Protein backbone atom coordinates (compact mmCIF):
# COMPACT_ATOMS: atom_id res chain seq x y z
CA GLU A 1 8.52 18.67 1.05
CA MET A 2 7.53 15.57 -1.03
CA ASP A 3 10.57 16.40 -3.45
CA GLN A 4 13.03 16.43 -0.58
CA ARG A 5 11.83 13.06 0.62
CA MET A 6 12.48 11.17 -2.83
CA ASP A 7 14.93 9.06 -1.32
CA GLU A 8 12.92 8.19 1.14
CA TRP A 9 10.14 7.06 -1.11
CA LEU A 10 12.60 5.33 -3.56
CA ASP A 11 13.95 3.04 -0.69
CA ILE A 12 10.06 1.98 0.40
CA VAL A 13 9.20 1.10 -3.62
CA SER A 14 12.59 -0.59 -3.75
CA THR A 15 12.54 -2.69 -0.75
CA LEU A 16 8.43 -3.48 -1.68
CA ILE A 17 9.95 -4.92 -4.93
CA SER A 18 12.59 -7.24 -3.43
CA ILE A 19 10.19 -9.14 -1.11
CA PRO A 20 8.39 -11.54 -3.52
CA SER A 21 4.55 -11.46 -3.31
CA GLU A 22 3.76 -13.08 -5.99
CA ASN A 23 -0.18 -14.37 -6.22
CA PRO A 24 -0.51 -17.26 -7.13
CA PRO A 25 0.57 -18.57 -4.73
CA GLY A 26 -0.46 -16.12 -2.68
CA ASP A 27 1.22 -15.77 0.42
CA THR A 28 1.74 -11.87 1.55
CA THR A 29 2.59 -12.06 5.04
CA GLU A 30 6.20 -10.88 4.50
CA ILE A 31 5.65 -7.81 2.64
CA ALA A 32 2.51 -6.80 4.89
CA ASN A 33 5.08 -7.21 8.24
CA TYR A 34 7.57 -4.57 6.03
CA TYR A 35 4.33 -2.53 5.62
CA THR A 36 3.23 -2.50 8.70
CA SER A 37 6.70 -1.90 10.27
CA LEU A 38 6.57 1.19 7.83
CA LEU A 39 3.39 2.27 9.47
CA GLU A 40 4.74 2.01 12.86
CA GLU A 41 7.99 4.04 11.90
CA TYR A 42 5.58 6.90 11.06
CA GLY A 43 3.62 6.30 14.32
CA VAL A 44 0.39 5.49 12.05
CA PRO A 45 -2.06 3.39 13.88
CA TYR A 46 -3.28 0.05 11.45
CA GLU A 47 -5.76 -2.93 11.82
CA ILE A 48 -4.66 -6.24 10.35
CA ILE A 49 -7.93 -8.00 8.59
CA ASP A 50 -7.04 -11.51 7.48
CA PRO A 51 -10.03 -13.80 6.80
CA GLU A 52 -7.48 -15.92 4.58
CA PRO A 53 -4.21 -16.01 7.11
CA LYS A 54 -1.66 -16.22 4.39
CA MET A 55 -2.88 -12.86 2.81
CA PRO A 56 -3.30 -10.16 5.30
CA ASN A 57 -4.82 -7.01 4.46
CA VAL A 58 -3.53 -3.71 6.48
CA VAL A 59 -5.61 -0.91 6.99
CA ALA A 60 -4.97 2.38 8.81
CA GLN A 61 -7.03 5.28 8.86
CA PHE A 62 -6.97 9.00 10.79
CA LYS A 63 -8.84 11.65 11.50
CA GLY A 64 -8.06 15.66 10.22
CA GLU A 65 -8.07 17.77 13.54
CA ARG A 66 -9.22 20.96 11.92
CA GLY A 67 -12.81 21.93 12.88
CA ASP A 68 -15.21 18.95 13.60
CA PRO A 69 -13.46 15.47 13.04
CA ASP A 70 -16.36 13.67 12.20
CA ASP A 71 -17.59 16.42 9.68
CA GLY A 72 -15.82 16.30 6.36
CA ASN A 73 -15.07 13.77 3.49
CA HIS A 74 -13.51 10.64 3.48
CA LEU A 75 -10.43 10.15 1.43
CA ALA A 76 -9.60 6.52 0.61
CA PHE A 77 -6.25 5.00 -0.99
CA ASN A 78 -6.44 1.66 -1.81
CA GLY A 79 -3.34 -0.50 -3.40
CA HIS A 80 -2.82 -4.22 -3.73
CA LEU A 81 0.30 -6.11 -1.83
CA ASP A 82 0.38 -9.23 -4.25
CA THR A 83 1.84 -9.20 -7.62
CA PHE A 84 1.51 -11.28 -10.72
CA PRO A 85 3.81 -14.42 -10.79
CA ARG A 86 7.12 -14.23 -12.83
CA ARG A 87 7.09 -15.92 -15.76
CA GLU A 88 9.65 -16.86 -18.63
CA GLU A 89 12.60 -16.16 -16.57
CA ASP A 90 15.01 -16.34 -19.32
CA ARG A 91 13.61 -12.94 -20.55
CA TRP A 92 14.73 -11.17 -17.50
CA ASP A 93 17.72 -9.11 -17.73
CA ARG A 94 18.24 -8.59 -14.18
CA ASP A 95 16.63 -10.31 -10.82
CA PRO A 96 12.99 -9.54 -10.89
CA PHE A 97 13.33 -9.10 -7.47
CA SER A 98 15.90 -6.72 -7.30
CA GLY A 99 14.41 -2.99 -6.77
CA ASP A 100 17.44 -1.92 -8.80
CA ILE A 101 17.20 1.93 -9.68
CA GLU A 102 19.11 2.87 -12.78
CA ASP A 103 19.11 5.73 -14.92
CA GLY A 104 16.14 7.08 -13.17
CA LYS A 105 13.87 4.26 -14.08
CA ILE A 106 13.15 1.29 -11.19
CA HIS A 107 13.36 -2.35 -11.95
CA GLY A 108 11.61 -5.52 -10.91
CA ARG A 109 8.40 -7.52 -10.32
CA GLY A 110 5.71 -5.10 -9.03
CA ALA A 111 7.22 -1.51 -10.23
CA SER A 112 4.30 -0.75 -12.52
CA ASP A 113 1.85 -2.91 -10.83
CA MET A 114 1.37 -1.94 -7.89
CA HIS A 115 4.20 -1.39 -5.67
CA GLY A 116 5.11 2.35 -7.35
CA GLY A 117 1.61 3.66 -7.74
CA PHE A 118 1.03 1.94 -3.88
CA THR A 119 4.43 3.92 -2.85
CA ALA A 120 3.20 7.02 -4.38
CA SER A 121 -0.12 6.31 -2.62
CA LEU A 122 1.64 5.96 0.97
CA ALA A 123 3.69 8.96 0.29
CA ALA A 124 0.70 11.13 -0.02
CA PHE A 125 -1.02 9.38 3.07
CA ILE A 126 1.87 9.93 5.36
CA TYR A 127 1.87 13.72 4.31
CA LEU A 128 -1.58 13.85 5.27
CA PHE A 129 -1.22 12.13 8.51
CA GLU A 130 1.89 14.62 9.18
CA HIS A 131 -0.17 17.48 8.18
CA LYS A 132 -3.94 16.12 9.79
CA ASP A 133 -3.90 19.94 11.86
CA LYS A 134 -4.46 21.73 8.61
CA PHE A 135 -7.55 19.64 7.43
CA GLN A 136 -11.17 17.89 8.84
CA GLY A 137 -12.54 14.22 7.60
CA LYS A 138 -11.19 11.10 7.45
CA VAL A 139 -8.47 9.42 5.15
CA THR A 140 -7.62 5.63 4.88
CA ILE A 141 -5.45 3.65 2.93
CA ALA A 142 -6.02 -0.18 2.59
CA ALA A 143 -2.90 -2.45 1.73
CA VAL A 144 -4.71 -5.36 0.26
CA SER A 145 -3.68 -8.88 -0.67
CA ASP A 146 -5.58 -11.19 -3.41
CA GLU A 147 -5.92 -8.81 -6.32
CA GLU A 148 -3.95 -10.56 -8.88
CA THR A 149 -6.62 -13.50 -8.30
CA GLY A 150 -9.69 -11.84 -7.86
CA GLY A 151 -9.78 -9.62 -4.62
CA LYS A 152 -12.10 -11.96 -2.59
CA TRP A 153 -9.87 -11.76 0.64
CA GLY A 154 -8.64 -8.41 0.02
CA THR A 155 -10.64 -5.56 -0.94
CA ASP A 156 -13.89 -7.26 -1.56
CA TYR A 157 -13.80 -8.76 1.67
CA ILE A 158 -13.10 -5.34 3.03
CA VAL A 159 -15.89 -3.07 1.36
CA GLU A 160 -18.49 -5.97 2.27
CA ASN A 161 -17.02 -6.56 5.95
CA TYR A 162 -16.22 -3.01 7.11
CA PRO A 163 -17.71 -0.32 6.10
CA LYS A 164 -16.00 2.30 7.98
CA TYR A 165 -12.95 2.13 5.44
CA ARG A 166 -15.47 3.20 2.67
CA GLY A 167 -14.57 6.25 1.46
CA ASP A 168 -16.62 9.09 -0.52
CA ALA A 169 -13.96 9.54 -2.71
CA LEU A 170 -10.91 6.71 -3.64
CA ILE A 171 -7.67 6.72 -5.36
CA SER A 172 -6.34 3.15 -6.37
């Protein structure tokens, strides 16, 4: 099923790459808006946590429906929306925000750190959400800002202030 949806996931990672989210300066509002529109499209409830207004974090959580919904483990996914700033623009052979897919490779700033990995986590999260009737426990995904400059307003802030999102296991 995941293989059959490969074009869906590739479109998502390509779009994420096409939205500049360099940190510094750290404004991730546009990419967070795209991400929330995806969650809405899939029918996933989410929360925006924005201790720093231009660095919103988006967290979604659901419970499995098999057995007692309060039993079971809590799996958390974490990934960041911001990217390292582009540098040495004369060394790029294409637009760093192209998201071009060519010869089985995706190109652009954030393809490997971290839009590619985050899209893989999102695909797994969406798959679990769509099959929540088959397991018990909780699943959380956090799309955080501010990773490239230390995480004070991203992961660190969520872990310190929102214990309900801390998992028993983490995939990052």
